[in-house]
PDB file of N, CA and C in Angstrom:
ATOM      1  N   MET A   1      24.882  44.779  -1.511  1.00  0.00           N
ATOM      2  CA  MET A   1      23.444  44.741  -1.280  1.00  0.00           C
ATOM      3  C   MET A   1      23.156  45.346   0.089  1.00  0.00           C
ATOM      4  N   ALA A   2      22.071  46.105   0.136  1.00  0.00           N
ATOM      5  CA  ALA A   2      21.706  46.773   1.379  1.00  0.00           C
ATOM      6  C   ALA A   2      21.166  45.781   2.397  1.00  0.00           C
ATOM      7  N   ASN A   3      21.461  46.031   3.663  1.00  0.00           N
ATOM      8  CA  ASN A   3      20.948  45.202   4.746  1.00  0.00           C
ATOM      9  C   ASN A   3      19.804  45.882   5.494  1.00  0.00           C
ATOM     10  N   ILE A   4      19.819  47.203   5.512  1.00  0.00           N
ATOM     11  CA  ILE A   4      18.809  47.961   6.252  1.00  0.00           C
ATOM     12  C   ILE A   4      17.532  48.063   5.417  1.00  0.00           C
ATOM     13  N   LYS A   5      16.404  47.944   6.084  1.00  0.00           N
ATOM     14  CA  LYS A   5      15.113  47.915   5.396  1.00  0.00           C
ATOM     15  C   LYS A   5      14.862  49.194   4.590  1.00  0.00           C
ATOM     16  N   SER A   6      15.166  50.329   5.169  1.00  0.00           N
ATOM     17  CA  SER A   6      14.930  51.596   4.458  1.00  0.00           C
ATOM     18  C   SER A   6      15.835  51.720   3.236  1.00  0.00           C
ATOM     19  N   ALA A   7      17.039  51.194   3.325  1.00  0.00           N
ATOM     20  CA  ALA A   7      17.955  51.231   2.187  1.00  0.00           C
ATOM     21  C   ALA A   7      17.445  50.344   1.060  1.00  0.00           C
ATOM     22  N   LYS A   8      16.846  49.207   1.408  1.00  0.00           N
ATOM     23  CA  LYS A   8      16.250  48.334   0.397  1.00  0.00           C
ATOM     24  C   LYS A   8      15.092  49.037  -0.299  1.00  0.00           C
ATOM     25  N   LYS A   9      14.291  49.764   0.472  1.00  0.00           N
ATOM     26  CA  LYS A   9      13.175  50.508  -0.107  1.00  0.00           C
ATOM     27  C   LYS A   9      13.699  51.588  -1.059  1.00  0.00           C
ATOM     28  N   ARG A  10      14.757  52.269  -0.642  1.00  0.00           N
ATOM     29  CA  ARG A  10      15.315  53.325  -1.492  1.00  0.00           C
ATOM     30  C   ARG A  10      15.826  52.758  -2.808  1.00  0.00           C
ATOM     31  N   ILE A  11      16.397  51.575  -2.780  1.00  0.00           N
ATOM     32  CA  ILE A  11      16.879  50.944  -4.009  1.00  0.00           C
ATOM     33  C   ILE A  11      15.724  50.719  -4.974  1.00  0.00           C
ATOM     34  N   SER A  12      14.592  50.252  -4.460  1.00  0.00           N
ATOM     35  CA  SER A  12      13.451  50.022  -5.345  1.00  0.00           C
ATOM     36  C   SER A  12      12.882  51.330  -5.875  1.00  0.00           C
ATOM     37  N   VAL A  13      12.892  52.367  -5.043  1.00  0.00           N
ATOM     38  CA  VAL A  13      12.414  53.682  -5.491  1.00  0.00           C
ATOM     39  C   VAL A  13      13.319  54.219  -6.592  1.00  0.00           C
ATOM     40  N   ILE A  14      14.614  54.092  -6.393  1.00  0.00           N
ATOM     41  CA  ILE A  14      15.572  54.555  -7.394  1.00  0.00           C
ATOM     42  C   ILE A  14      15.376  53.806  -8.713  1.00  0.00           C
ATOM     43  N   ASP A  15      15.133  52.498  -8.639  1.00  0.00           N
ATOM     44  CA  ASP A  15      14.902  51.713  -9.850  1.00  0.00           C
ATOM     45  C   ASP A  15      13.676  52.206 -10.598  1.00  0.00           C
ATOM     46  N   ARG A  16      12.600  52.510  -9.876  1.00  0.00           N
ATOM     47  CA  ARG A  16      11.378  53.006 -10.526  1.00  0.00           C
ATOM     48  C   ARG A  16      11.619  54.367 -11.181  1.00  0.00           C
ATOM     49  N   LYS A  17      12.309  55.248 -10.454  1.00  0.00           N
ATOM     50  CA  LYS A  17      12.574  56.580 -10.999  1.00  0.00           C
ATOM     51  C   LYS A  17      13.500  56.514 -12.209  1.00  0.00           C
ATOM     52  N   THR A  18      14.489  55.644 -12.154  1.00  0.00           N
ATOM     53  CA  THR A  18      15.402  55.475 -13.282  1.00  0.00           C
ATOM     54  C   THR A  18      14.650  54.976 -14.508  1.00  0.00           C
ATOM     55  N   ALA A  19      13.750  54.028 -14.305  1.00  0.00           N
ATOM     56  CA  ALA A  19      12.958  53.501 -15.418  1.00  0.00           C
ATOM     57  C   ALA A  19      12.087  54.596 -16.017  1.00  0.00           C
ATOM     58  N   ARG A  20      11.465  55.403 -15.165  1.00  0.00           N
ATOM     59  CA  ARG A  20      10.626  56.499 -15.663  1.00  0.00           C
ATOM     60  C   ARG A  20      11.466  57.496 -16.449  1.00  0.00           C
ATOM     61  N   ASN A  21      12.623  57.864 -15.911  1.00  0.00           N
ATOM     62  CA  ASN A  21      13.483  58.823 -16.595  1.00  0.00           C
ATOM     63  C   ASN A  21      13.922  58.295 -17.953  1.00  0.00           C
ATOM     64  N   ARG A  22      14.250  57.024 -18.028  1.00  0.00           N
ATOM     65  CA  ARG A  22      14.645  56.435 -19.315  1.00  0.00           C
ATOM     66  C   ARG A  22      13.512  56.481 -20.319  1.00  0.00           C
ATOM     67  N   ARG A  23      12.293  56.140 -19.856  1.00  0.00           N
ATOM     68  CA  ARG A  23      11.135  56.185 -20.760  1.00  0.00           C
ATOM     69  C   ARG A  23      10.908  57.596 -21.296  1.00  0.00           C
ATOM     70  N   VAL A  24      10.968  58.564 -20.408  1.00  0.00           N
ATOM     71  CA  VAL A  24      10.722  59.948 -20.813  1.00  0.00           C
ATOM     72  C   VAL A  24      11.798  60.423 -21.777  1.00  0.00           C
ATOM     73  N   LYS A  25      13.048  60.133 -21.475  1.00  0.00           N
ATOM     74  CA  LYS A  25      14.140  60.569 -22.345  1.00  0.00           C
ATOM     75  C   LYS A  25      14.062  59.904 -23.712  1.00  0.00           C
ATOM     76  N   GLU A  26      13.757  58.621 -23.756  1.00  0.00           N
ATOM     77  CA  GLU A  26      13.622  57.921 -25.042  1.00  0.00           C
ATOM     78  C   GLU A  26      12.465  58.499 -25.849  1.00  0.00           C
ATOM     79  N   HIS A  27      11.359  58.789 -25.166  1.00  0.00           N
ATOM     80  CA  HIS A  27      10.214  59.364 -25.861  1.00  0.00           C
ATOM     81  C   HIS A  27      10.577  60.740 -26.426  1.00  0.00           C
ATOM     82  N   ASN A  28      11.301  61.538 -25.650  1.00  0.00           N
ATOM     83  CA  ASN A  28      11.724  62.853 -26.134  1.00  0.00           C
ATOM     84  C   ASN A  28      12.638  62.726 -27.347  1.00  0.00           C
ATOM     85  N   LYS A  29      13.538  61.758 -27.321  1.00  0.00           N
ATOM     86  CA  LYS A  29      14.424  61.554 -28.467  1.00  0.00           C
ATOM     87  C   LYS A  29      13.623  61.210 -29.714  1.00  0.00           C
ATOM     88  N   THR A  30      12.593  60.391 -29.559  1.00  0.00           N
ATOM     89  CA  THR A  30      11.755  60.003 -30.696  1.00  0.00           C
ATOM     90  C   THR A  30      11.006  61.209 -31.245  1.00  0.00           C
ATOM     91  N   VAL A  31      10.454  62.011 -30.356  1.00  0.00           N
ATOM     92  CA  VAL A  31       9.714  63.206 -30.776  1.00  0.00           C
ATOM     93  C   VAL A  31      10.640  64.169 -31.511  1.00  0.00           C
ATOM     94  N   LEU A  32      11.828  64.382 -30.975  1.00  0.00           N
ATOM     95  CA  LEU A  32      12.787  65.276 -31.621  1.00  0.00           C
ATOM     96  C   LEU A  32      13.223  64.729 -32.976  1.00  0.00           C
ATOM     97  N   LYS A  33      13.423  63.422 -33.057  1.00  0.00           N
ATOM     98  CA  LYS A  33      13.807  62.799 -34.323  1.00  0.00           C
ATOM     99  C   LYS A  33      12.724  63.015 -35.377  1.00  0.00           C
ATOM    100  N   ASN A  34      11.458  62.878 -34.970  1.00  0.00           N
ATOM    101  CA  ASN A  34      10.353  63.097 -35.900  1.00  0.00           C
ATOM    102  C   ASN A  34      10.318  64.545 -36.375  1.00  0.00           C
ATOM    103  N   PHE A  35      10.589  65.478 -35.472  1.00  0.00           N
ATOM    104  CA  PHE A  35      10.616  66.891 -35.848  1.00  0.00           C
ATOM    105  C   PHE A  35      11.725  67.156 -36.871  1.00  0.00           C
ATOM    106  N   TYR A  36      12.922  66.678 -36.573  1.00  0.00           N
ATOM    107  CA  TYR A  36      14.047  66.901 -37.478  1.00  0.00           C
ATOM    108  C   TYR A  36      13.794  66.255 -38.841  1.00  0.00           C
ATOM    109  N   ALA A  37      13.167  65.084 -38.861  1.00  0.00           N
ATOM    110  CA  ALA A  37      12.857  64.418 -40.124  1.00  0.00           C
ATOM    111  C   ALA A  37      11.863  65.232 -40.938  1.00  0.00           C
ATOM    112  N   ALA A  38      10.865  65.808 -40.284  1.00  0.00           N
ATOM    113  CA  ALA A  38       9.869  66.622 -40.983  1.00  0.00           C
ATOM    114  C   ALA A  38      10.511  67.898 -41.534  1.00  0.00           C
ATOM    115  N   VAL A  39      11.396  68.499 -40.764  1.00  0.00           N
ATOM    116  CA  VAL A  39      12.085  69.700 -41.241  1.00  0.00           C
ATOM    117  C   VAL A  39      12.962  69.348 -42.433  1.00  0.00           C
ATOM    118  N   GLU A  40      13.670  68.240 -42.329  1.00  0.00           N
ATOM    119  CA  GLU A  40      14.559  67.803 -43.412  1.00  0.00           C
ATOM    120  C   GLU A  40      13.779  67.541 -44.694  1.00  0.00           C
ATOM    121  N   ALA A  41      12.575  66.980 -44.544  1.00  0.00           N
ATOM    122  CA  ALA A  41      11.741  66.672 -45.709  1.00  0.00           C
ATOM    123  C   ALA A  41      11.013  67.901 -46.234  1.00  0.00           C
ATOM    124  N   GLY A  42      11.031  68.992 -45.475  1.00  0.00           N
ATOM    125  CA  GLY A  42      10.366  70.212 -45.913  1.00  0.00           C
ATOM    126  C   GLY A  42       8.866  70.210 -45.707  1.00  0.00           C
ATOM    127  N   GLU A  43       8.380  69.388 -44.817  1.00  0.00           N
ATOM    128  CA  GLU A  43       6.946  69.281 -44.547  1.00  0.00           C
ATOM    129  C   GLU A  43       6.589  70.256 -43.424  1.00  0.00           C
ATOM    130  N   LYS A  44       6.089  71.409 -43.804  1.00  0.00           N
ATOM    131  CA  LYS A  44       5.863  72.491 -42.848  1.00  0.00           C
ATOM    132  C   LYS A  44       4.805  72.143 -41.807  1.00  0.00           C
ATOM    133  N   GLU A  45       3.669  71.611 -42.240  1.00  0.00           N
ATOM    134  CA  GLU A  45       2.579  71.333 -41.298  1.00  0.00           C
ATOM    135  C   GLU A  45       2.965  70.240 -40.299  1.00  0.00           C
ATOM    136  N   GLU A  46       3.592  69.184 -40.811  1.00  0.00           N
ATOM    137  CA  GLU A  46       4.018  68.095 -39.926  1.00  0.00           C
ATOM    138  C   GLU A  46       5.098  68.579 -38.965  1.00  0.00           C
ATOM    139  N   ALA A  47       6.002  69.415 -39.466  1.00  0.00           N
ATOM    140  CA  ALA A  47       7.056  69.957 -38.610  1.00  0.00           C
ATOM    141  C   ALA A  47       6.458  70.821 -37.503  1.00  0.00           C
ATOM    142  N   LYS A  48       5.444  71.608 -37.845  1.00  0.00           N
ATOM    143  CA  LYS A  48       4.811  72.462 -36.833  1.00  0.00           C
ATOM    144  C   LYS A  48       4.124  71.613 -35.761  1.00  0.00           C
ATOM    145  N   ALA A  49       3.423  70.564 -36.189  1.00  0.00           N
ATOM    146  CA  ALA A  49       2.764  69.674 -35.231  1.00  0.00           C
ATOM    147  C   ALA A  49       3.795  69.001 -34.328  1.00  0.00           C
ATOM    148  N   ASN A  50       4.897  68.547 -34.907  1.00  0.00           N
ATOM    149  CA  ASN A  50       5.950  67.912 -34.119  1.00  0.00           C
ATOM    150  C   ASN A  50       6.653  68.916 -33.209  1.00  0.00           C
ATOM    151  N   LEU A  51       6.755  70.164 -33.649  1.00  0.00           N
ATOM    152  CA  LEU A  51       7.354  71.205 -32.817  1.00  0.00           C
ATOM    153  C   LEU A  51       6.515  71.446 -31.573  1.00  0.00           C
ATOM    154  N   VAL A  52       5.204  71.535 -31.749  1.00  0.00           N
ATOM    155  CA  VAL A  52       4.303  71.751 -30.615  1.00  0.00           C
ATOM    156  C   VAL A  52       4.396  70.572 -29.643  1.00  0.00           C
ATOM    157  N   LEU A  53       4.403  69.349 -30.187  1.00  0.00           N
ATOM    158  CA  LEU A  53       4.503  68.158 -29.346  1.00  0.00           C
ATOM    159  C   LEU A  53       5.844  68.108 -28.612  1.00  0.00           C
ATOM    160  N   ALA A  54       6.924  68.438 -29.322  1.00  0.00           N
ATOM    161  CA  ALA A  54       8.256  68.413 -28.710  1.00  0.00           C
ATOM    162  C   ALA A  54       8.344  69.417 -27.574  1.00  0.00           C
ATOM    163  N   GLU A  55       7.796  70.612 -27.781  1.00  0.00           N
ATOM    164  CA  GLU A  55       7.822  71.618 -26.726  1.00  0.00           C
ATOM    165  C   GLU A  55       7.040  71.144 -25.508  1.00  0.00           C
ATOM    166  N   LYS A  56       5.885  70.559 -25.744  1.00  0.00           N
ATOM    167  CA  LYS A  56       5.058  70.060 -24.648  1.00  0.00           C
ATOM    168  C   LYS A  56       5.793  68.981 -23.858  1.00  0.00           C
ATOM    169  N   LYS A  57       6.366  68.014 -24.569  1.00  0.00           N
ATOM    170  CA  LYS A  57       7.026  66.900 -23.892  1.00  0.00           C
ATOM    171  C   LYS A  57       8.284  67.344 -23.153  1.00  0.00           C
ATOM    172  N   LEU A  58       9.032  68.272 -23.729  1.00  0.00           N
ATOM    173  CA  LEU A  58      10.228  68.769 -23.046  1.00  0.00           C
ATOM    174  C   LEU A  58       9.861  69.517 -21.777  1.00  0.00           C
ATOM    175  N   MET A  59       8.817  70.318 -21.830  1.00  0.00           N
ATOM    176  CA  MET A  59       8.400  71.063 -20.638  1.00  0.00           C
ATOM    177  C   MET A  59       7.824  70.126 -19.570  1.00  0.00           C
ATOM    178  N   GLN A  60       7.151  69.071 -19.995  1.00  0.00           N
ATOM    179  CA  GLN A  60       6.666  68.086 -19.030  1.00  0.00           C
ATOM    180  C   GLN A  60       7.838  67.390 -18.348  1.00  0.00           C
ATOM    181  N   ALA A  61       8.856  67.052 -19.132  1.00  0.00           N
ATOM    182  CA  ALA A  61      10.035  66.408 -18.564  1.00  0.00           C
ATOM    183  C   ALA A  61      10.727  67.348 -17.576  1.00  0.00           C
ATOM    184  N   ALA A  62      10.762  68.640 -17.900  1.00  0.00           N
ATOM    185  CA  ALA A  62      11.373  69.608 -17.000  1.00  0.00           C
ATOM    186  C   ALA A  62      10.559  69.743 -15.720  1.00  0.00           C
ATOM    187  N   ALA A  63       9.249  69.713 -15.851  1.00  0.00           N
ATOM    188  CA  ALA A  63       8.385  69.832 -14.673  1.00  0.00           C
ATOM    189  C   ALA A  63       8.556  68.640 -13.741  1.00  0.00           C
ATOM    190  N   LYS A  64       8.807  67.469 -14.299  1.00  0.00           N
ATOM    191  CA  LYS A  64       8.998  66.260 -13.496  1.00  0.00           C
ATOM    192  C   LYS A  64      10.423  66.109 -12.986  1.00  0.00           C
ATOM    193  N   GLY A  65      11.326  66.973 -13.464  1.00  0.00           N
ATOM    194  CA  GLY A  65      12.697  66.913 -13.000  1.00  0.00           C
ATOM    195  C   GLY A  65      13.569  65.930 -13.760  1.00  0.00           C
ATOM    196  N   VAL A  66      13.073  65.440 -14.884  1.00  0.00           N
ATOM    197  CA  VAL A  66      13.867  64.508 -15.685  1.00  0.00           C
ATOM    198  C   VAL A  66      15.006  65.248 -16.375  1.00  0.00           C
ATOM    199  N   VAL A  67      14.716  66.434 -16.893  1.00  0.00           N
ATOM    200  CA  VAL A  67      15.745  67.313 -17.448  1.00  0.00           C
ATOM    201  C   VAL A  67      15.633  68.659 -16.740  1.00  0.00           C
ATOM    202  N   HIS A  68      16.718  69.398 -16.732  1.00  0.00           N
ATOM    203  CA  HIS A  68      16.712  70.707 -16.089  1.00  0.00           C
ATOM    204  C   HIS A  68      15.846  71.669 -16.897  1.00  0.00           C
ATOM    205  N   LYS A  69      15.157  72.570 -16.215  1.00  0.00           N
ATOM    206  CA  LYS A  69      14.222  73.465 -16.903  1.00  0.00           C
ATOM    207  C   LYS A  69      14.942  74.377 -17.882  1.00  0.00           C
ATOM    208  N   ASN A  70      16.147  74.793 -17.567  1.00  0.00           N
ATOM    209  CA  ASN A  70      16.889  75.644 -18.497  1.00  0.00           C
ATOM    210  C   ASN A  70      17.322  74.861 -19.731  1.00  0.00           C
ATOM    211  N   ALA A  71      17.671  73.606 -19.556  1.00  0.00           N
ATOM    212  CA  ALA A  71      18.046  72.765 -20.694  1.00  0.00           C
ATOM    213  C   ALA A  71      16.841  72.554 -21.606  1.00  0.00           C
ATOM    214  N   ALA A  72      15.684  72.318 -21.018  1.00  0.00           N
ATOM    215  CA  ALA A  72      14.472  72.134 -21.812  1.00  0.00           C
ATOM    216  C   ALA A  72      14.129  73.414 -22.566  1.00  0.00           C
ATOM    217  N   SER A  73      14.227  74.549 -21.898  1.00  0.00           N
ATOM    218  CA  SER A  73      13.948  75.834 -22.542  1.00  0.00           C
ATOM    219  C   SER A  73      14.935  76.100 -23.676  1.00  0.00           C
ATOM    220  N   ARG A  74      16.183  75.761 -23.460  1.00  0.00           N
ATOM    221  CA  ARG A  74      17.206  75.961 -24.491  1.00  0.00           C
ATOM    222  C   ARG A  74      16.902  75.113 -25.720  1.00  0.00           C
ATOM    223  N   LYS A  75      16.501  73.845 -25.493  1.00  0.00           N
ATOM    224  CA  LYS A  75      16.183  72.970 -26.612  1.00  0.00           C
ATOM    225  C   LYS A  75      14.967  73.467 -27.379  1.00  0.00           C
ATOM    226  N   VAL A  76      13.948  73.924 -26.654  1.00  0.00           N
ATOM    227  CA  VAL A  76      12.748  74.454 -27.296  1.00  0.00           C
ATOM    228  C   VAL A  76      13.101  75.682 -28.132  1.00  0.00           C
ATOM    229  N   SER A  77      13.938  76.547 -27.578  1.00  0.00           N
ATOM    230  CA  SER A  77      14.361  77.746 -28.297  1.00  0.00           C
ATOM    231  C   SER A  77      15.084  77.378 -29.589  1.00  0.00           C
ATOM    232  N   ARG A  78      15.940  76.388 -29.522  1.00  0.00           N
ATOM    233  CA  ARG A  78      16.690  75.970 -30.716  1.00  0.00           C
ATOM    234  C   ARG A  78      15.770  75.331 -31.749  1.00  0.00           C
ATOM    235  N   LEU A  79      14.776  74.589 -31.286  1.00  0.00           N
ATOM    236  CA  LEU A  79      13.816  73.996 -32.219  1.00  0.00           C
ATOM    237  C   LEU A  79      13.014  75.078 -32.929  1.00  0.00           C
ATOM    238  N   ASN A  80      12.552  76.069 -32.174  1.00  0.00           N
ATOM    239  CA  ASN A  80      11.812  77.177 -32.772  1.00  0.00           C
ATOM    240  C   ASN A  80      12.669  77.947 -33.768  1.00  0.00           C
ATOM    241  N   LYS A  81      13.915  78.161 -33.414  1.00  0.00           N
ATOM    242  CA  LYS A  81      14.833  78.879 -34.298  1.00  0.00           C
ATOM    243  C   LYS A  81      15.025  78.109 -35.608  1.00  0.00           C
ATOM    244  N   LEU A  82      15.218  76.803 -35.502  1.00  0.00           N
ATOM    245  CA  LEU A  82      15.379  75.974 -36.695  1.00  0.00           C
ATOM    246  C   LEU A  82      14.125  76.008 -37.557  1.00  0.00           C
ATOM    247  N   TYR A  83      12.972  75.883 -36.926  1.00  0.00           N
ATOM    248  CA  TYR A  83      11.705  75.906 -37.664  1.00  0.00           C
ATOM    249  C   TYR A  83      11.541  77.234 -38.406  1.00  0.00           C
ATOM    250  N   ASN A  84      11.814  78.330 -37.713  1.00  0.00           N
ATOM    251  CA  ASN A  84      11.656  79.651 -38.331  1.00  0.00           C
ATOM    252  C   ASN A  84      12.651  79.879 -39.457  1.00  0.00           C
ATOM    253  N   GLN A  85      13.846  79.358 -39.332  1.00  0.00           N
ATOM    254  CA  GLN A  85      14.841  79.496 -40.403  1.00  0.00           C
ATOM    255  C   GLN A  85      14.435  78.688 -41.633  1.00  0.00           C
ATOM    256  N   GLU A  86      13.943  77.494 -41.411  1.00  0.00           N
ATOM    257  CA  GLU A  86      13.610  76.617 -42.540  1.00  0.00           C
ATOM    258  C   GLU A  86      12.339  77.049 -43.258  1.00  0.00           C
ATOM    259  N   PHE A  87      11.383  77.563 -42.506  1.00  0.00           N
ATOM    260  CA  PHE A  87      10.085  77.874 -43.102  1.00  0.00           C
ATOM    261  C   PHE A  87       9.757  79.353 -43.014  1.00  0.00           C
ATOM    262  N   ALA A  88      10.758  80.199 -43.192  1.00  0.00           N
ATOM    263  CA  ALA A  88      10.533  81.643 -43.188  1.00  0.00           C
ATOM    264  C   ALA A  88       9.679  82.023 -44.394  1.00  0.00           C
ATOM    265  N   GLU A  89       8.697  82.855 -44.126  1.00  0.00           N
ATOM    266  CA  GLU A  89       7.802  83.245 -45.238  1.00  0.00           C
ATOM    267  C   GLU A  89       8.039  84.668 -45.656  1.00  0.00           C
TER     268      GLU A  89
END
């Protein structure tokens, strides 16, 4: 346990940031799961809506520093690729 006042403050800041990161990551997992489920079911409109939401949430997470911006871009690219492969017209 920290004895210095500033170290105690940093511990509380780290706890808040960790909690935020967990919330964001869990939310992203849920959004991605919904997208994959819609693609699996063949529901084009729902998959497109979930794709737009997933891209938005991943980019927000990257902007906040929860995930690296290149990792978020890579995931978005893979989601778009999957969507285009499944629903090619």
